[in-house]
């Protein structure tokens, strides 16, 4: 249980202030939208070796670099164009 609102959550949610919202709205929810799936794949790939808290805190930077996680424009970028 969360310390602040008594909602049932996994214990890892107490690890960072970003985690409860992520847990409640994204973690464990199926993704059918291509753009959201592309975002999840990109974030998971960059997470390798980093903490998930770091990735979540940099999410807006990734969103800008990958053109809003829109697959078509991101796919058309040339090597070295990623911001």
PDB file of N, CA and C in Angstrom:
ATOM      1  N   UNK A   1       0.830  -1.194   0.000  1.00  0.00           N
ATOM      2  CA  UNK A   1       0.000   0.000   0.000  1.00  0.00           C
ATOM      3  C   UNK A   1       0.870   1.252   0.000  1.00  0.00           C
ATOM      4  N   UNK A   2       0.434   2.216  -0.735  1.00  0.00           N
ATOM      5  CA  UNK A   2       1.142   3.483  -0.772  1.00  0.00           C
ATOM      6  C   UNK A   2       0.977   4.206   0.562  1.00  0.00           C
ATOM      7  N   UNK A   3       1.991   4.922   0.935  1.00  0.00           N
ATOM      8  CA  UNK A   3       1.956   5.650   2.199  1.00  0.00           C
ATOM      9  C   UNK A   3       1.001   6.848   2.162  1.00  0.00           C
ATOM     10  N   UNK A   4       0.760   7.411   0.969  1.00  0.00           N
ATOM     11  CA  UNK A   4       0.011   8.671   0.920  1.00  0.00           C
ATOM     12  C   UNK A   4      -1.467   8.513   0.613  1.00  0.00           C
ATOM     13  N   UNK A   5      -1.848   7.568  -0.220  1.00  0.00           N
ATOM     14  CA  UNK A   5      -3.258   7.505  -0.604  1.00  0.00           C
ATOM     15  C   UNK A   5      -3.900   6.129  -0.406  1.00  0.00           C
ATOM     16  N   UNK A   6      -3.179   5.201   0.186  1.00  0.00           N
ATOM     17  CA  UNK A   6      -3.686   3.862   0.509  1.00  0.00           C
ATOM     18  C   UNK A   6      -4.176   3.059  -0.691  1.00  0.00           C
ATOM     19  N   UNK A   7      -3.702   3.391  -1.892  1.00  0.00           N
ATOM     20  CA  UNK A   7      -4.034   2.590  -3.065  1.00  0.00           C
ATOM     21  C   UNK A   7      -3.097   1.381  -3.129  1.00  0.00           C
ATOM     22  N   UNK A   8      -3.613   0.244  -3.550  1.00  0.00           N
ATOM     23  CA  UNK A   8      -2.748  -0.930  -3.645  1.00  0.00           C
ATOM     24  C   UNK A   8      -1.760  -0.771  -4.809  1.00  0.00           C
ATOM     25  N   UNK A   9      -0.489  -0.831  -4.487  1.00  0.00           N
ATOM     26  CA  UNK A   9       0.564  -0.708  -5.494  1.00  0.00           C
ATOM     27  C   UNK A   9       1.709  -1.637  -5.129  1.00  0.00           C
ATOM     28  N   UNK A  10       2.507  -1.947  -6.119  1.00  0.00           N
ATOM     29  CA  UNK A  10       3.726  -2.727  -5.879  1.00  0.00           C
ATOM     30  C   UNK A  10       4.672  -1.920  -5.002  1.00  0.00           C
ATOM     31  N   UNK A  11       5.500  -2.623  -4.253  1.00  0.00           N
ATOM     32  CA  UNK A  11       6.413  -1.937  -3.328  1.00  0.00           C
ATOM     33  C   UNK A  11       7.400  -1.015  -4.018  1.00  0.00           C
ATOM     34  N   UNK A  12       7.778  -1.346  -5.257  1.00  0.00           N
ATOM     35  CA  UNK A  12       8.763  -0.517  -5.949  1.00  0.00           C
ATOM     36  C   UNK A  12       8.264   0.907  -6.187  1.00  0.00           C
ATOM     37  N   UNK A  13       6.977   1.143  -6.074  1.00  0.00           N
ATOM     38  CA  UNK A  13       6.426   2.492  -6.290  1.00  0.00           C
ATOM     39  C   UNK A  13       6.892   3.498  -5.249  1.00  0.00           C
ATOM     40  N   UNK A  14       7.307   3.011  -4.111  1.00  0.00           N
ATOM     41  CA  UNK A  14       7.776   3.920  -3.058  1.00  0.00           C
ATOM     42  C   UNK A  14       9.186   4.427  -3.325  1.00  0.00           C
ATOM     43  N   UNK A  15       9.839   3.922  -4.401  1.00  0.00           N
ATOM     44  CA  UNK A  15      11.228   4.263  -4.672  1.00  0.00           C
ATOM     45  C   UNK A  15      11.471   5.642  -5.239  1.00  0.00           C
ATOM     46  N   UNK A  16      10.465   6.261  -5.834  1.00  0.00           N
ATOM     47  CA  UNK A  16      10.651   7.579  -6.447  1.00  0.00           C
ATOM     48  C   UNK A  16       9.283   8.235  -6.630  1.00  0.00           C
ATOM     49  N   UNK A  17       9.241   9.551  -6.609  1.00  0.00           N
ATOM     50  CA  UNK A  17       7.957  10.236  -6.742  1.00  0.00           C
ATOM     51  C   UNK A  17       7.282  10.024  -8.103  1.00  0.00           C
ATOM     52  N   UNK A  18       8.062   9.683  -9.140  1.00  0.00           N
ATOM     53  CA  UNK A  18       7.501   9.453 -10.472  1.00  0.00           C
ATOM     54  C   UNK A  18       6.808   8.101 -10.586  1.00  0.00           C
ATOM     55  N   UNK A  19       7.149   7.176  -9.730  1.00  0.00           N
ATOM     56  CA  UNK A  19       6.704   5.796  -9.888  1.00  0.00           C
ATOM     57  C   UNK A  19       5.200   5.567  -9.698  1.00  0.00           C
ATOM     58  N   UNK A  20       4.533   6.161  -8.706  1.00  0.00           N
ATOM     59  CA  UNK A  20       3.100   5.869  -8.545  1.00  0.00           C
ATOM     60  C   UNK A  20       2.265   6.203  -9.783  1.00  0.00           C
ATOM     61  N   UNK A  21       2.487   7.352 -10.388  1.00  0.00           N
ATOM     62  CA  UNK A  21       1.719   7.716 -11.587  1.00  0.00           C
ATOM     63  C   UNK A  21       2.022   6.746 -12.725  1.00  0.00           C
ATOM     64  N   UNK A  22       3.300   6.382 -12.887  1.00  0.00           N
ATOM     65  CA  UNK A  22       3.675   5.421 -13.925  1.00  0.00           C
ATOM     66  C   UNK A  22       2.991   4.074 -13.661  1.00  0.00           C
ATOM     67  N   UNK A  23       3.020   3.642 -12.417  1.00  0.00           N
ATOM     68  CA  UNK A  23       2.392   2.371 -12.038  1.00  0.00           C
ATOM     69  C   UNK A  23       0.893   2.395 -12.324  1.00  0.00           C
ATOM     70  N   UNK A  24       0.248   3.482 -11.957  1.00  0.00           N
ATOM     71  CA  UNK A  24      -1.214   3.563 -12.051  1.00  0.00           C
ATOM     72  C   UNK A  24      -1.726   3.748 -13.476  1.00  0.00           C
ATOM     73  N   UNK A  25      -0.904   4.276 -14.375  1.00  0.00           N
ATOM     74  CA  UNK A  25      -1.409   4.599 -15.712  1.00  0.00           C
ATOM     75  C   UNK A  25      -0.721   3.852 -16.850  1.00  0.00           C
ATOM     76  N   UNK A  26       0.455   3.232 -16.585  1.00  0.00           N
ATOM     77  CA  UNK A  26       1.189   2.611 -17.685  1.00  0.00           C
ATOM     78  C   UNK A  26       1.668   1.189 -17.408  1.00  0.00           C
ATOM     79  N   UNK A  27       2.260   0.967 -16.261  1.00  0.00           N
ATOM     80  CA  UNK A  27       2.894  -0.319 -15.966  1.00  0.00           C
ATOM     81  C   UNK A  27       1.862  -1.436 -15.964  1.00  0.00           C
ATOM     82  N   UNK A  28       2.119  -2.450 -16.768  1.00  0.00           N
ATOM     83  CA  UNK A  28       1.225  -3.591 -16.816  1.00  0.00           C
ATOM     84  C   UNK A  28       0.013  -3.427 -17.709  1.00  0.00           C
ATOM     85  N   UNK A  29      -0.136  -2.260 -18.329  1.00  0.00           N
ATOM     86  CA  UNK A  29      -1.259  -2.040 -19.231  1.00  0.00           C
ATOM     87  C   UNK A  29      -0.836  -2.452 -20.644  1.00  0.00           C
ATOM     88  N   UNK A  30      -1.678  -3.199 -21.347  1.00  0.00           N
ATOM     89  CA  UNK A  30      -1.325  -3.572 -22.720  1.00  0.00           C
ATOM     90  C   UNK A  30      -1.281  -2.345 -23.623  1.00  0.00           C
ATOM     91  N   UNK A  31      -0.414  -2.404 -24.627  1.00  0.00           N
ATOM     92  CA  UNK A  31      -0.252  -1.299 -25.565  1.00  0.00           C
ATOM     93  C   UNK A  31      -0.570  -1.802 -26.971  1.00  0.00           C
ATOM     94  N   UNK A  32      -1.528  -1.155 -27.635  1.00  0.00           N
ATOM     95  CA  UNK A  32      -1.893  -1.541 -28.990  1.00  0.00           C
ATOM     96  C   UNK A  32      -1.554  -0.449 -30.000  1.00  0.00           C
ATOM     97  N   UNK A  33      -1.315   0.748 -29.528  1.00  0.00           N
ATOM     98  CA  UNK A  33      -1.016   1.892 -30.386  1.00  0.00           C
ATOM     99  C   UNK A  33       0.455   1.848 -30.806  1.00  0.00           C
ATOM    100  N   UNK A  34       0.729   1.969 -32.104  1.00  0.00           N
ATOM    101  CA  UNK A  34       2.098   1.883 -32.609  1.00  0.00           C
ATOM    102  C   UNK A  34       3.022   2.943 -32.004  1.00  0.00           C
ATOM    103  N   UNK A  35       2.517   4.148 -31.856  1.00  0.00           N
ATOM    104  CA  UNK A  35       3.345   5.227 -31.309  1.00  0.00           C
ATOM    105  C   UNK A  35       3.712   4.953 -29.854  1.00  0.00           C
ATOM    106  N   UNK A  36       2.758   4.510 -29.067  1.00  0.00           N
ATOM    107  CA  UNK A  36       3.048   4.187 -27.652  1.00  0.00           C
ATOM    108  C   UNK A  36       3.978   2.990 -27.559  1.00  0.00           C
ATOM    109  N   UNK A  37       3.801   2.018 -28.444  1.00  0.00           N
ATOM    110  CA  UNK A  37       4.675   0.855 -28.442  1.00  0.00           C
ATOM    111  C   UNK A  37       6.101   1.251 -28.804  1.00  0.00           C
ATOM    112  N   UNK A  38       6.255   2.121 -29.799  1.00  0.00           N
ATOM    113  CA  UNK A  38       7.574   2.612 -30.179  1.00  0.00           C
ATOM    114  C   UNK A  38       8.227   3.344 -29.010  1.00  0.00           C
ATOM    115  N   UNK A  39       7.448   4.143 -28.291  1.00  0.00           N
ATOM    116  CA  UNK A  39       7.975   4.844 -27.120  1.00  0.00           C
ATOM    117  C   UNK A  39       8.466   3.849 -26.076  1.00  0.00           C
ATOM    118  N   UNK A  40       7.663   2.852 -25.780  1.00  0.00           N
ATOM    119  CA  UNK A  40       8.058   1.866 -24.762  1.00  0.00           C
ATOM    120  C   UNK A  40       9.313   1.112 -25.172  1.00  0.00           C
ATOM    121  N   UNK A  41       9.412   0.721 -26.438  1.00  0.00           N
ATOM    122  CA  UNK A  41      10.590  -0.004 -26.915  1.00  0.00           C
ATOM    123  C   UNK A  41      11.828   0.881 -26.808  1.00  0.00           C
ATOM    124  N   UNK A  42      11.712   2.136 -27.220  1.00  0.00           N
ATOM    125  CA  UNK A  42      12.857   3.054 -27.130  1.00  0.00           C
ATOM    126  C   UNK A  42      13.300   3.260 -25.690  1.00  0.00           C
ATOM    127  N   UNK A  43      12.347   3.531 -24.817  1.00  0.00           N
ATOM    128  CA  UNK A  43      12.694   3.776 -23.414  1.00  0.00           C
ATOM    129  C   UNK A  43      13.307   2.534 -22.783  1.00  0.00           C
ATOM    130  N   UNK A  44      12.761   1.364 -23.076  1.00  0.00           N
ATOM    131  CA  UNK A  44      13.321   0.121 -22.534  1.00  0.00           C
ATOM    132  C   UNK A  44      14.745  -0.091 -23.039  1.00  0.00           C
ATOM    133  N   UNK A  45      14.992   0.211 -24.317  1.00  0.00           N
ATOM    134  CA  UNK A  45      16.335   0.037 -24.881  1.00  0.00           C
ATOM    135  C   UNK A  45      17.337   0.944 -24.180  1.00  0.00           C
ATOM    136  N   UNK A  46      16.962   2.187 -23.935  1.00  0.00           N
ATOM    137  CA  UNK A  46      17.874   3.115 -23.268  1.00  0.00           C
ATOM    138  C   UNK A  46      18.008   2.813 -21.784  1.00  0.00           C
ATOM    139  N   UNK A  47      17.072   2.080 -21.226  1.00  0.00           N
ATOM    140  CA  UNK A  47      17.118   1.764 -19.803  1.00  0.00           C
ATOM    141  C   UNK A  47      18.262   0.813 -19.469  1.00  0.00           C
ATOM    142  N   UNK A  48      18.706   0.049 -20.427  1.00  0.00           N
ATOM    143  CA  UNK A  48      19.773  -0.919 -20.182  1.00  0.00           C
ATOM    144  C   UNK A  48      20.956  -0.249 -19.494  1.00  0.00           C
ATOM    145  N   UNK A  49      21.219  -0.656 -18.294  1.00  0.00           N
ATOM    146  CA  UNK A  49      22.334  -0.102 -17.529  1.00  0.00           C
ATOM    147  C   UNK A  49      21.985   1.137 -16.721  1.00  0.00           C
ATOM    148  N   UNK A  50      20.796   1.665 -16.895  1.00  0.00           N
ATOM    149  CA  UNK A  50      20.371   2.842 -16.144  1.00  0.00           C
ATOM    150  C   UNK A  50      19.182   2.475 -15.270  1.00  0.00           C
ATOM    151  N   UNK A  51      18.873   3.331 -14.337  1.00  0.00           N
ATOM    152  CA  UNK A  51      17.689   3.090 -13.518  1.00  0.00           C
ATOM    153  C   UNK A  51      16.455   3.562 -14.276  1.00  0.00           C
ATOM    154  N   UNK A  52      15.321   2.948 -13.997  1.00  0.00           N
ATOM    155  CA  UNK A  52      14.081   3.357 -14.639  1.00  0.00           C
ATOM    156  C   UNK A  52      13.719   4.776 -14.230  1.00  0.00           C
ATOM    157  N   UNK A  53      14.095   5.174 -13.039  1.00  0.00           N
ATOM    158  CA  UNK A  53      13.831   6.551 -12.594  1.00  0.00           C
ATOM    159  C   UNK A  53      14.558   7.542 -13.506  1.00  0.00           C
ATOM    160  N   UNK A  54      15.784   7.224 -13.889  1.00  0.00           N
ATOM    161  CA  UNK A  54      16.532   8.093 -14.805  1.00  0.00           C
ATOM    162  C   UNK A  54      15.808   8.209 -16.135  1.00  0.00           C
ATOM    163  N   UNK A  55      15.341   7.094 -16.659  1.00  0.00           N
ATOM    164  CA  UNK A  55      14.646   7.098 -17.940  1.00  0.00           C
ATOM    165  C   UNK A  55      13.352   7.919 -17.857  1.00  0.00           C
ATOM    166  N   UNK A  56      12.578   7.713 -16.809  1.00  0.00           N
ATOM    167  CA  UNK A  56      11.336   8.477 -16.669  1.00  0.00           C
ATOM    168  C   UNK A  56      11.609   9.967 -16.535  1.00  0.00           C
ATOM    169  N   UNK A  57      12.669  10.332 -15.835  1.00  0.00           N
ATOM    170  CA  UNK A  57      12.963  11.754 -15.661  1.00  0.00           C
ATOM    171  C   UNK A  57      13.454  12.399 -16.962  1.00  0.00           C
ATOM    172  N   UNK A  58      13.979  11.593 -17.876  1.00  0.00           N
ATOM    173  CA  UNK A  58      14.478  12.099 -19.165  1.00  0.00           C
ATOM    174  C   UNK A  58      13.485  11.850 -20.301  1.00  0.00           C
ATOM    175  N   UNK A  59      12.306  11.378 -19.977  1.00  0.00           N
ATOM    176  CA  UNK A  59      11.331  10.988 -20.990  1.00  0.00           C
ATOM    177  C   UNK A  59      11.021  12.098 -21.988  1.00  0.00           C
ATOM    178  N   UNK A  60      10.884  13.326 -21.541  1.00  0.00           N
ATOM    179  CA  UNK A  60      10.585  14.435 -22.459  1.00  0.00           C
ATOM    180  C   UNK A  60      11.745  14.686 -23.412  1.00  0.00           C
ATOM    181  N   UNK A  61      12.970  14.481 -22.961  1.00  0.00           N
ATOM    182  CA  UNK A  61      14.132  14.622 -23.846  1.00  0.00           C
ATOM    183  C   UNK A  61      14.093  13.552 -24.930  1.00  0.00           C
ATOM    184  N   UNK A  62      13.774  12.318 -24.540  1.00  0.00           N
ATOM    185  CA  UNK A  62      13.636  11.244 -25.514  1.00  0.00           C
ATOM    186  C   UNK A  62      12.499  11.553 -26.491  1.00  0.00           C
ATOM    187  N   UNK A  63      11.415  12.087 -25.985  1.00  0.00           N
ATOM    188  CA  UNK A  63      10.262  12.415 -26.829  1.00  0.00           C
ATOM    189  C   UNK A  63      10.659  13.428 -27.906  1.00  0.00           C
ATOM    190  N   UNK A  64      11.456  14.432 -27.524  1.00  0.00           N
ATOM    191  CA  UNK A  64      11.929  15.416 -28.509  1.00  0.00           C
ATOM    192  C   UNK A  64      12.888  14.768 -29.502  1.00  0.00           C
ATOM    193  N   UNK A  65      13.818  13.975 -29.006  1.00  0.00           N
ATOM    194  CA  UNK A  65      14.817  13.349 -29.874  1.00  0.00           C
ATOM    195  C   UNK A  65      14.185  12.393 -30.885  1.00  0.00           C
ATOM    196  N   UNK A  66      13.144  11.706 -30.473  1.00  0.00           N
ATOM    197  CA  UNK A  66      12.479  10.746 -31.356  1.00  0.00           C
ATOM    198  C   UNK A  66      11.205  11.314 -31.972  1.00  0.00           C
ATOM    199  N   UNK A  67      11.152  12.652 -32.072  1.00  0.00           N
ATOM    200  CA  UNK A  67      10.065  13.338 -32.775  1.00  0.00           C
ATOM    201  C   UNK A  67       8.694  12.895 -32.289  1.00  0.00           C
ATOM    202  N   UNK A  68       8.526  12.923 -30.974  1.00  0.00           N
ATOM    203  CA  UNK A  68       7.255  12.559 -30.367  1.00  0.00           C
ATOM    204  C   UNK A  68       6.958  11.076 -30.440  1.00  0.00           C
ATOM    205  N   UNK A  69       7.985  10.277 -30.681  1.00  0.00           N
ATOM    206  CA  UNK A  69       7.846   8.826 -30.858  1.00  0.00           C
ATOM    207  C   UNK A  69       6.914   8.491 -32.018  1.00  0.00           C
ATOM    208  N   UNK A  70       6.862   9.401 -32.986  1.00  0.00           N
ATOM    209  CA  UNK A  70       6.120   9.129 -34.214  1.00  0.00           C
ATOM    210  C   UNK A  70       7.050   8.315 -35.109  1.00  0.00           C
ATOM    211  N   UNK A  71       6.671   7.093 -35.402  1.00  0.00           N
ATOM    212  CA  UNK A  71       7.557   6.138 -36.081  1.00  0.00           C
ATOM    213  C   UNK A  71       8.023   6.649 -37.438  1.00  0.00           C
ATOM    214  N   UNK A  72       7.136   7.159 -38.255  1.00  0.00           N
ATOM    215  CA  UNK A  72       7.520   7.544 -39.618  1.00  0.00           C
ATOM    216  C   UNK A  72       8.573   8.652 -39.659  1.00  0.00           C
ATOM    217  N   UNK A  73       8.360   9.794 -39.006  1.00  0.00           N
ATOM    218  CA  UNK A  73       9.425  10.810 -39.032  1.00  0.00           C
ATOM    219  C   UNK A  73      10.719  10.335 -38.355  1.00  0.00           C
ATOM    220  N   UNK A  74      10.603   9.606 -37.270  1.00  0.00           N
ATOM    221  CA  UNK A  74      11.809   9.118 -36.581  1.00  0.00           C
ATOM    222  C   UNK A  74      12.583   8.153 -37.469  1.00  0.00           C
ATOM    223  N   UNK A  75      11.879   7.330 -38.202  1.00  0.00           N
ATOM    224  CA  UNK A  75      12.523   6.356 -39.096  1.00  0.00           C
ATOM    225  C   UNK A  75      13.276   7.060 -40.211  1.00  0.00           C
ATOM    226  N   UNK A  76      12.819   8.215 -40.630  1.00  0.00           N
ATOM    227  CA  UNK A  76      13.423   8.925 -41.754  1.00  0.00           C
ATOM    228  C   UNK A  76      14.643   9.750 -41.360  1.00  0.00           C
ATOM    229  N   UNK A  77      14.930   9.842 -40.079  1.00  0.00           N
ATOM    230  CA  UNK A  77      16.109  10.595 -39.649  1.00  0.00           C
ATOM    231  C   UNK A  77      17.366   9.874 -40.096  1.00  0.00           C
ATOM    232  N   UNK A  78      18.346  10.648 -40.463  1.00  0.00           N
ATOM    233  CA  UNK A  78      19.644  10.095 -40.836  1.00  0.00           C
ATOM    234  C   UNK A  78      20.483   9.895 -39.582  1.00  0.00           C
ATOM    235  N   UNK A  79      21.463   9.027 -39.658  1.00  0.00           N
ATOM    236  CA  UNK A  79      22.384   8.825 -38.542  1.00  0.00           C
ATOM    237  C   UNK A  79      22.988  10.168 -38.161  1.00  0.00           C
ATOM    238  N   UNK A  80      23.019  10.464 -36.903  1.00  0.00           N
ATOM    239  CA  UNK A  80      23.566  11.724 -36.418  1.00  0.00           C
ATOM    240  C   UNK A  80      22.538  12.833 -36.296  1.00  0.00           C
ATOM    241  N   UNK A  81      21.313  12.617 -36.793  1.00  0.00           N
ATOM    242  CA  UNK A  81      20.277  13.643 -36.679  1.00  0.00           C
ATOM    243  C   UNK A  81      19.561  13.639 -35.343  1.00  0.00           C
ATOM    244  N   UNK A  82      19.658  12.572 -34.598  1.00  0.00           N
ATOM    245  CA  UNK A  82      18.991  12.543 -33.301  1.00  0.00           C
ATOM    246  C   UNK A  82      19.535  13.661 -32.440  1.00  0.00           C
ATOM    247  N   UNK A  83      18.655  14.403 -31.841  1.00  0.00           N
ATOM    248  CA  UNK A  83      19.035  15.560 -31.031  1.00  0.00           C
ATOM    249  C   UNK A  83      19.684  15.090 -29.756  1.00  0.00           C
TER     250      UNK A  83
END
